[in-house]
């Protein structure tokens, strides 16, 4: 693996993680209960 490939891979993983974090925090700030897409969060959420 070249160093360029390594940096591209690290950048893509970091960007994906930050995107996921921003989706959850935007939902939380708007007053919605963030869900994981499988309904698990709704099942254990105290507001449901």
PDB file of N, CA and C in Angstrom:
ATOM      1  N   UNK A   1       0.858  -1.172   0.000  1.00  0.00           N
ATOM      2  CA  UNK A   1       0.000   0.000   0.000  1.00  0.00           C
ATOM      3  C   UNK A   1       0.903   1.234   0.000  1.00  0.00           C
ATOM      4  N   UNK A   2       0.645   2.114  -0.916  1.00  0.00           N
ATOM      5  CA  UNK A   2       1.444   3.332  -0.964  1.00  0.00           C
ATOM      6  C   UNK A   2       0.957   4.321   0.084  1.00  0.00           C
ATOM      7  N   UNK A   3       1.774   5.295   0.361  1.00  0.00           N
ATOM      8  CA  UNK A   3       1.428   6.304   1.371  1.00  0.00           C
ATOM      9  C   UNK A   3       0.225   7.131   0.910  1.00  0.00           C
ATOM     10  N   UNK A   4       0.105   7.338  -0.380  1.00  0.00           N
ATOM     11  CA  UNK A   4      -1.034   8.089  -0.910  1.00  0.00           C
ATOM     12  C   UNK A   4      -2.347   7.323  -0.666  1.00  0.00           C
ATOM     13  N   UNK A   5      -2.320   6.040  -0.876  1.00  0.00           N
ATOM     14  CA  UNK A   5      -3.495   5.204  -0.632  1.00  0.00           C
ATOM     15  C   UNK A   5      -3.854   5.200   0.847  1.00  0.00           C
ATOM     16  N   UNK A   6      -2.842   5.150   1.692  1.00  0.00           N
ATOM     17  CA  UNK A   6      -3.068   5.181   3.135  1.00  0.00           C
ATOM     18  C   UNK A   6      -3.772   6.475   3.542  1.00  0.00           C
ATOM     19  N   UNK A   7      -3.280   7.608   3.100  1.00  0.00           N
ATOM     20  CA  UNK A   7      -3.893   8.886   3.457  1.00  0.00           C
ATOM     21  C   UNK A   7      -5.308   9.017   2.903  1.00  0.00           C
ATOM     22  N   UNK A   8      -5.551   8.518   1.722  1.00  0.00           N
ATOM     23  CA  UNK A   8      -6.893   8.551   1.144  1.00  0.00           C
ATOM     24  C   UNK A   8      -7.851   7.684   1.967  1.00  0.00           C
ATOM     25  N   UNK A   9      -7.395   6.510   2.379  1.00  0.00           N
ATOM     26  CA  UNK A   9      -8.231   5.632   3.184  1.00  0.00           C
ATOM     27  C   UNK A   9      -8.542   6.251   4.544  1.00  0.00           C
ATOM     28  N   UNK A  10      -7.546   6.816   5.196  1.00  0.00           N
ATOM     29  CA  UNK A  10      -7.754   7.461   6.492  1.00  0.00           C
ATOM     30  C   UNK A  10      -8.698   8.646   6.349  1.00  0.00           C
ATOM     31  N   UNK A  11      -8.539   9.408   5.291  1.00  0.00           N
ATOM     32  CA  UNK A  11      -9.420  10.553   5.046  1.00  0.00           C
ATOM     33  C   UNK A  11     -10.861  10.145   4.813  1.00  0.00           C
ATOM     34  N   UNK A  12     -11.071   9.074   4.074  1.00  0.00           N
ATOM     35  CA  UNK A  12     -12.424   8.607   3.816  1.00  0.00           C
ATOM     36  C   UNK A  12     -13.097   8.081   5.085  1.00  0.00           C
ATOM     37  N   UNK A  13     -12.365   7.355   5.904  1.00  0.00           N
ATOM     38  CA  UNK A  13     -12.917   6.846   7.160  1.00  0.00           C
ATOM     39  C   UNK A  13     -13.248   8.010   8.094  1.00  0.00           C
ATOM     40  N   UNK A  14     -12.368   8.988   8.178  1.00  0.00           N
ATOM     41  CA  UNK A  14     -12.610  10.147   9.043  1.00  0.00           C
ATOM     42  C   UNK A  14     -13.811  10.949   8.550  1.00  0.00           C
ATOM     43  N   UNK A  15     -13.929  11.138   7.252  1.00  0.00           N
ATOM     44  CA  UNK A  15     -15.055  11.888   6.701  1.00  0.00           C
ATOM     45  C   UNK A  15     -16.373  11.166   6.954  1.00  0.00           C
ATOM     46  N   UNK A  16     -16.388   9.866   6.812  1.00  0.00           N
ATOM     47  CA  UNK A  16     -17.600   9.089   7.067  1.00  0.00           C
ATOM     48  C   UNK A  16     -17.991   9.160   8.540  1.00  0.00           C
ATOM     49  N   UNK A  17     -17.020   9.078   9.424  1.00  0.00           N
ATOM     50  CA  UNK A  17     -17.302   9.155  10.861  1.00  0.00           C
ATOM     51  C   UNK A  17     -17.835  10.539  11.233  1.00  0.00           C
ATOM     52  N   UNK A  18     -17.246  11.587  10.710  1.00  0.00           N
ATOM     53  CA  UNK A  18     -17.720  12.942  11.014  1.00  0.00           C
ATOM     54  C   UNK A  18     -19.108  13.180  10.440  1.00  0.00           C
ATOM     55  N   UNK A  19     -19.392  12.629   9.262  1.00  0.00           N
ATOM     56  CA  UNK A  19     -20.719  12.782   8.676  1.00  0.00           C
ATOM     57  C   UNK A  19     -21.762  12.104   9.557  1.00  0.00           C
ATOM     58  N   UNK A  20     -21.467  10.898  10.017  1.00  0.00           N
ATOM     59  CA  UNK A  20     -22.397  10.192  10.890  1.00  0.00           C
ATOM     60  C   UNK A  20     -22.619  10.926  12.195  1.00  0.00           C
ATOM     61  N   UNK A  21     -21.568  11.488  12.742  1.00  0.00           N
ATOM     62  CA  UNK A  21     -21.680  12.254  13.983  1.00  0.00           C
ATOM     63  C   UNK A  21     -22.524  13.503  13.786  1.00  0.00           C
ATOM     64  N   UNK A  22     -22.379  14.146  12.644  1.00  0.00           N
ATOM     65  CA  UNK A  22     -23.153  15.368  12.398  1.00  0.00           C
ATOM     66  C   UNK A  22     -24.633  15.060  12.199  1.00  0.00           C
ATOM     67  N   UNK A  23     -24.964  13.929  11.620  1.00  0.00           N
ATOM     68  CA  UNK A  23     -26.370  13.558  11.445  1.00  0.00           C
ATOM     69  C   UNK A  23     -27.020  13.335  12.806  1.00  0.00           C
ATOM     70  N   UNK A  24     -26.349  12.604  13.692  1.00  0.00           N
ATOM     71  CA  UNK A  24     -26.905  12.355  15.016  1.00  0.00           C
ATOM     72  C   UNK A  24     -27.040  13.642  15.829  1.00  0.00           C
ATOM     73  N   UNK A  25     -26.041  14.522  15.778  1.00  0.00           N
ATOM     74  CA  UNK A  25     -26.125  15.749  16.564  1.00  0.00           C
ATOM     75  C   UNK A  25     -27.143  16.717  15.990  1.00  0.00           C
ATOM     76  N   UNK A  26     -27.335  16.743  14.686  1.00  0.00           N
ATOM     77  CA  UNK A  26     -28.365  17.611  14.099  1.00  0.00           C
ATOM     78  C   UNK A  26     -29.754  17.132  14.512  1.00  0.00           C
ATOM     79  N   UNK A  27     -29.966  15.839  14.548  1.00  0.00           N
ATOM     80  CA  UNK A  27     -31.246  15.305  15.018  1.00  0.00           C
ATOM     81  C   UNK A  27     -31.478  15.650  16.487  1.00  0.00           C
ATOM     82  N   UNK A  28     -30.450  15.530  17.296  1.00  0.00           N
ATOM     83  CA  UNK A  28     -30.594  15.810  18.721  1.00  0.00           C
ATOM     84  C   UNK A  28     -30.885  17.291  18.962  1.00  0.00           C
ATOM     85  N   UNK A  29     -30.266  18.172  18.192  1.00  0.00           N
ATOM     86  CA  UNK A  29     -30.477  19.608  18.378  1.00  0.00           C
ATOM     87  C   UNK A  29     -31.876  20.031  17.936  1.00  0.00           C
ATOM     88  N   UNK A  30     -32.448  19.313  16.996  1.00  0.00           N
ATOM     89  CA  UNK A  30     -33.783  19.680  16.520  1.00  0.00           C
ATOM     90  C   UNK A  30     -34.885  19.072  17.389  1.00  0.00           C
ATOM     91  N   UNK A  31     -34.509  18.357  18.425  1.00  0.00           N
ATOM     92  CA  UNK A  31     -35.483  17.796  19.341  1.00  0.00           C
ATOM     93  C   UNK A  31     -35.943  16.402  18.978  1.00  0.00           C
ATOM     94  N   UNK A  32     -35.453  15.850  17.892  1.00  0.00           N
ATOM     95  CA  UNK A  32     -35.809  14.483  17.504  1.00  0.00           C
ATOM     96  C   UNK A  32     -34.945  13.486  18.257  1.00  0.00           C
ATOM     97  N   UNK A  33     -35.463  12.298  18.462  1.00  0.00           N
ATOM     98  CA  UNK A  33     -34.663  11.228  19.040  1.00  0.00           C
ATOM     99  C   UNK A  33     -33.865  10.610  17.909  1.00  0.00           C
ATOM    100  N   UNK A  34     -32.533  10.660  17.972  1.00  0.00           N
ATOM    101  CA  UNK A  34     -31.736  10.049  16.912  1.00  0.00           C
ATOM    102  C   UNK A  34     -31.991   8.546  16.852  1.00  0.00           C
ATOM    103  N   UNK A  35     -32.211   8.030  15.670  1.00  0.00           N
ATOM    104  CA  UNK A  35     -32.448   6.598  15.517  1.00  0.00           C
ATOM    105  C   UNK A  35     -31.290   5.972  14.766  1.00  0.00           C
ATOM    106  N   UNK A  36     -31.126   4.700  14.938  1.00  0.00           N
ATOM    107  CA  UNK A  36     -30.034   3.987  14.293  1.00  0.00           C
ATOM    108  C   UNK A  36     -30.460   3.315  12.994  1.00  0.00           C
ATOM    109  N   UNK A  37     -31.718   3.447  12.618  1.00  0.00           N
ATOM    110  CA  UNK A  37     -32.184   2.849  11.379  1.00  0.00           C
ATOM    111  C   UNK A  37     -32.747   1.456  11.549  1.00  0.00           C
ATOM    112  N   UNK A  38     -32.548   0.860  12.707  1.00  0.00           N
ATOM    113  CA  UNK A  38     -33.049  -0.483  12.959  1.00  0.00           C
ATOM    114  C   UNK A  38     -34.175  -0.495  13.983  1.00  0.00           C
ATOM    115  N   UNK A  39     -34.492   0.642  14.581  1.00  0.00           N
ATOM    116  CA  UNK A  39     -35.541   0.729  15.566  1.00  0.00           C
ATOM    117  C   UNK A  39     -35.108   0.382  16.971  1.00  0.00           C
ATOM    118  N   UNK A  40     -33.836   0.088  17.149  1.00  0.00           N
ATOM    119  CA  UNK A  40     -33.343  -0.281  18.477  1.00  0.00           C
ATOM    120  C   UNK A  40     -33.405   0.925  19.410  1.00  0.00           C
ATOM    121  N   UNK A  41     -33.047   2.096  18.909  1.00  0.00           N
ATOM    122  CA  UNK A  41     -33.060   3.290  19.746  1.00  0.00           C
ATOM    123  C   UNK A  41     -34.479   3.610  20.186  1.00  0.00           C
ATOM    124  N   UNK A  42     -35.447   3.441  19.315  1.00  0.00           N
ATOM    125  CA  UNK A  42     -36.834   3.712  19.686  1.00  0.00           C
ATOM    126  C   UNK A  42     -37.328   2.733  20.742  1.00  0.00           C
ATOM    127  N   UNK A  43     -36.843   1.516  20.697  1.00  0.00           N
ATOM    128  CA  UNK A  43     -37.293   0.503  21.646  1.00  0.00           C
ATOM    129  C   UNK A  43     -36.803   0.792  23.056  1.00  0.00           C
ATOM    130  N   UNK A  44     -35.671   1.434  23.207  1.00  0.00           N
ATOM    131  CA  UNK A  44     -35.104   1.709  24.526  1.00  0.00           C
ATOM    132  C   UNK A  44     -35.194   3.175  24.906  1.00  0.00           C
ATOM    133  N   UNK A  45     -35.784   3.988  24.065  1.00  0.00           N
ATOM    134  CA  UNK A  45     -35.885   5.416  24.320  1.00  0.00           C
ATOM    135  C   UNK A  45     -36.937   5.695  25.389  1.00  0.00           C
ATOM    136  N   UNK A  46     -36.652   6.589  26.334  1.00  0.00           N
ATOM    137  CA  UNK A  46     -37.624   6.878  27.377  1.00  0.00           C
ATOM    138  C   UNK A  46     -38.822   7.697  26.882  1.00  0.00           C
ATOM    139  N   UNK A  47     -38.723   8.297  25.696  1.00  0.00           N
ATOM    140  CA  UNK A  47     -39.817   9.125  25.187  1.00  0.00           C
ATOM    141  C   UNK A  47     -40.794   8.351  24.346  1.00  0.00           C
ATOM    142  N   UNK A  48     -40.481   7.087  24.012  1.00  0.00           N
ATOM    143  CA  UNK A  48     -41.391   6.325  23.155  1.00  0.00           C
ATOM    144  C   UNK A  48     -42.421   5.549  23.946  1.00  0.00           C
TER     145      UNK A  48
END
